[in-house]
Amino acid sequence: MSFSFTNPEQDRDDGRSFSFTGSDPADIDRQLQTISDMAHEILRLVANVRRQINA
């Protein structure tokens, strides 16, 4: 599997274009779900730290 970012000036106006390629779409979906889960956990932890700082 490979992961690549595209040139921010291409394809999308927000510059957030990227793509995954691989032989097993289900494996790519699992990996994307893992990344999404990790991102949500990071955001949850950041929110907790912000609450502690502002308390």
N, C-alpha and C. Protein backbone atom coordinates (compact mmCIF):
# COMPACT_ATOMS: atom_id res chain seq x y z
N MET A 1 0.85 -1.18 0.00
CA MET A 1 0.00 0.00 0.00
C MET A 1 0.89 1.23 0.00
N SER A 2 0.42 2.27 -0.66
CA SER A 2 1.14 3.54 -0.63
C SER A 2 0.20 4.67 -0.28
N PHE A 3 0.78 5.74 0.20
CA PHE A 3 0.02 6.92 0.60
C PHE A 3 0.74 8.11 0.01
N SER A 4 -0.02 9.02 -0.61
CA SER A 4 0.65 10.19 -1.18
C SER A 4 -0.24 11.41 -1.08
N PHE A 5 0.40 12.55 -0.91
CA PHE A 5 -0.28 13.83 -0.97
C PHE A 5 -0.13 14.37 -2.39
N THR A 6 -1.14 15.04 -2.88
CA THR A 6 -1.03 15.66 -4.19
C THR A 6 -0.59 17.11 -4.03
N ASN A 7 -0.21 17.72 -5.11
CA ASN A 7 0.16 19.12 -5.12
C ASN A 7 -1.04 19.93 -4.65
N PRO A 8 -0.88 20.80 -3.64
CA PRO A 8 -2.02 21.58 -3.14
C PRO A 8 -2.70 22.44 -4.20
N GLU A 9 -1.99 22.73 -5.28
CA GLU A 9 -2.58 23.56 -6.32
C GLU A 9 -3.44 22.74 -7.28
N GLN A 10 -3.40 21.44 -7.15
CA GLN A 10 -4.17 20.57 -8.04
C GLN A 10 -5.43 20.05 -7.36
N ASP A 11 -6.39 19.69 -8.17
CA ASP A 11 -7.58 18.93 -7.77
C ASP A 11 -8.54 19.65 -6.83
N ARG A 12 -8.08 20.08 -5.68
CA ARG A 12 -9.00 20.62 -4.68
C ARG A 12 -8.57 22.02 -4.27
N ASP A 13 -9.56 22.83 -3.94
CA ASP A 13 -9.28 24.20 -3.54
C ASP A 13 -8.68 24.30 -2.15
N ASP A 14 -8.97 23.34 -1.27
CA ASP A 14 -8.49 23.45 0.11
C ASP A 14 -7.10 22.84 0.32
N GLY A 15 -6.52 22.25 -0.71
CA GLY A 15 -5.17 21.71 -0.60
C GLY A 15 -5.05 20.46 0.25
N ARG A 16 -6.16 19.79 0.53
CA ARG A 16 -6.12 18.61 1.40
C ARG A 16 -6.32 17.32 0.63
N SER A 17 -5.86 17.25 -0.57
CA SER A 17 -6.06 16.06 -1.38
C SER A 17 -4.98 15.02 -1.08
N PHE A 18 -5.39 13.77 -0.91
CA PHE A 18 -4.45 12.68 -0.74
C PHE A 18 -5.10 11.41 -1.24
N SER A 19 -4.29 10.38 -1.45
CA SER A 19 -4.86 9.14 -1.95
C SER A 19 -4.13 7.94 -1.34
N PHE A 20 -4.86 6.84 -1.23
CA PHE A 20 -4.31 5.57 -0.81
C PHE A 20 -4.42 4.62 -1.99
N THR A 21 -3.43 3.80 -2.18
CA THR A 21 -3.52 2.75 -3.19
C THR A 21 -3.07 1.45 -2.54
N GLY A 22 -3.66 0.38 -2.95
CA GLY A 22 -3.30 -0.91 -2.40
C GLY A 22 -4.09 -2.00 -3.08
N SER A 23 -3.71 -3.23 -2.81
CA SER A 23 -4.36 -4.36 -3.48
C SER A 23 -5.65 -4.80 -2.79
N ASP A 24 -5.84 -4.42 -1.53
CA ASP A 24 -7.01 -4.88 -0.79
C ASP A 24 -7.80 -3.68 -0.27
N PRO A 25 -8.91 -3.33 -0.93
CA PRO A 25 -9.71 -2.18 -0.48
C PRO A 25 -10.18 -2.30 0.97
N ALA A 26 -10.47 -3.51 1.43
CA ALA A 26 -10.91 -3.70 2.82
C ALA A 26 -9.77 -3.34 3.78
N ASP A 27 -8.54 -3.67 3.42
CA ASP A 27 -7.39 -3.33 4.26
C ASP A 27 -7.22 -1.82 4.32
N ILE A 28 -7.38 -1.15 3.20
CA ILE A 28 -7.29 0.31 3.17
C ILE A 28 -8.38 0.92 4.05
N ASP A 29 -9.59 0.40 3.95
CA ASP A 29 -10.70 0.89 4.78
C ASP A 29 -10.39 0.71 6.26
N ARG A 30 -9.83 -0.43 6.64
CA ARG A 30 -9.48 -0.67 8.05
C ARG A 30 -8.41 0.33 8.51
N GLN A 31 -7.42 0.56 7.66
CA GLN A 31 -6.37 1.48 8.05
C GLN A 31 -6.89 2.91 8.16
N LEU A 32 -7.76 3.30 7.23
CA LEU A 32 -8.36 4.63 7.31
C LEU A 32 -9.21 4.77 8.57
N GLN A 33 -9.93 3.71 8.94
CA GLN A 33 -10.74 3.75 10.16
C GLN A 33 -9.85 3.88 11.38
N THR A 34 -8.72 3.18 11.39
CA THR A 34 -7.77 3.29 12.50
C THR A 34 -7.24 4.72 12.61
N ILE A 35 -6.89 5.32 11.49
CA ILE A 35 -6.41 6.70 11.49
C ILE A 35 -7.50 7.63 12.02
N SER A 36 -8.72 7.43 11.57
CA SER A 36 -9.84 8.25 12.03
C SER A 36 -10.06 8.09 13.53
N ASP A 37 -10.01 6.86 14.02
CA ASP A 37 -10.18 6.61 15.45
C ASP A 37 -9.08 7.30 16.26
N MET A 38 -7.85 7.23 15.77
CA MET A 38 -6.74 7.87 16.46
C MET A 38 -6.92 9.39 16.48
N ALA A 39 -7.36 9.95 15.37
CA ALA A 39 -7.57 11.40 15.30
C ALA A 39 -8.64 11.84 16.29
N HIS A 40 -9.73 11.07 16.38
CA HIS A 40 -10.78 11.41 17.33
C HIS A 40 -10.27 11.33 18.77
N GLU A 41 -9.45 10.33 19.06
CA GLU A 41 -8.89 10.20 20.40
C GLU A 41 -7.96 11.38 20.71
N ILE A 42 -7.16 11.78 19.76
CA ILE A 42 -6.27 12.94 19.95
C ILE A 42 -7.11 14.19 20.25
N LEU A 43 -8.16 14.41 19.47
CA LEU A 43 -9.02 15.57 19.70
C LEU A 43 -9.69 15.52 21.06
N ARG A 44 -10.09 14.33 21.49
CA ARG A 44 -10.70 14.18 22.81
C ARG A 44 -9.70 14.53 23.91
N LEU A 45 -8.47 14.06 23.75
CA LEU A 45 -7.44 14.35 24.75
C LEU A 45 -7.08 15.83 24.77
N VAL A 46 -7.02 16.45 23.62
CA VAL A 46 -6.75 17.90 23.56
C VAL A 46 -7.86 18.67 24.26
N ALA A 47 -9.11 18.27 24.04
CA ALA A 47 -10.23 18.94 24.70
C ALA A 47 -10.12 18.78 26.22
N ASN A 48 -9.72 17.60 26.69
CA ASN A 48 -9.54 17.39 28.13
C ASN A 48 -8.45 18.29 28.69
N VAL A 49 -7.34 18.40 27.99
CA VAL A 49 -6.25 19.26 28.45
C VAL A 49 -6.70 20.72 28.48
N ARG A 50 -7.42 21.16 27.47
CA ARG A 50 -7.92 22.53 27.44
C ARG A 50 -8.84 22.80 28.61
N ARG A 51 -9.72 21.84 28.94
CA ARG A 51 -10.61 22.01 30.09
C ARG A 51 -9.80 22.14 31.38
N GLN A 52 -8.75 21.34 31.52
CA GLN A 52 -7.92 21.40 32.72
C GLN A 52 -7.18 22.73 32.81
N ILE A 53 -6.71 23.23 31.70
CA ILE A 53 -5.99 24.50 31.69
C ILE A 53 -6.92 25.65 32.05
N ASN A 54 -8.14 25.60 31.56
CA ASN A 54 -9.10 26.69 31.76
C ASN A 54 -9.87 26.58 33.08
N ALA A 55 -9.66 25.50 33.82
CA ALA A 55 -10.40 25.31 35.08
C ALA A 55 -9.84 26.15 36.19
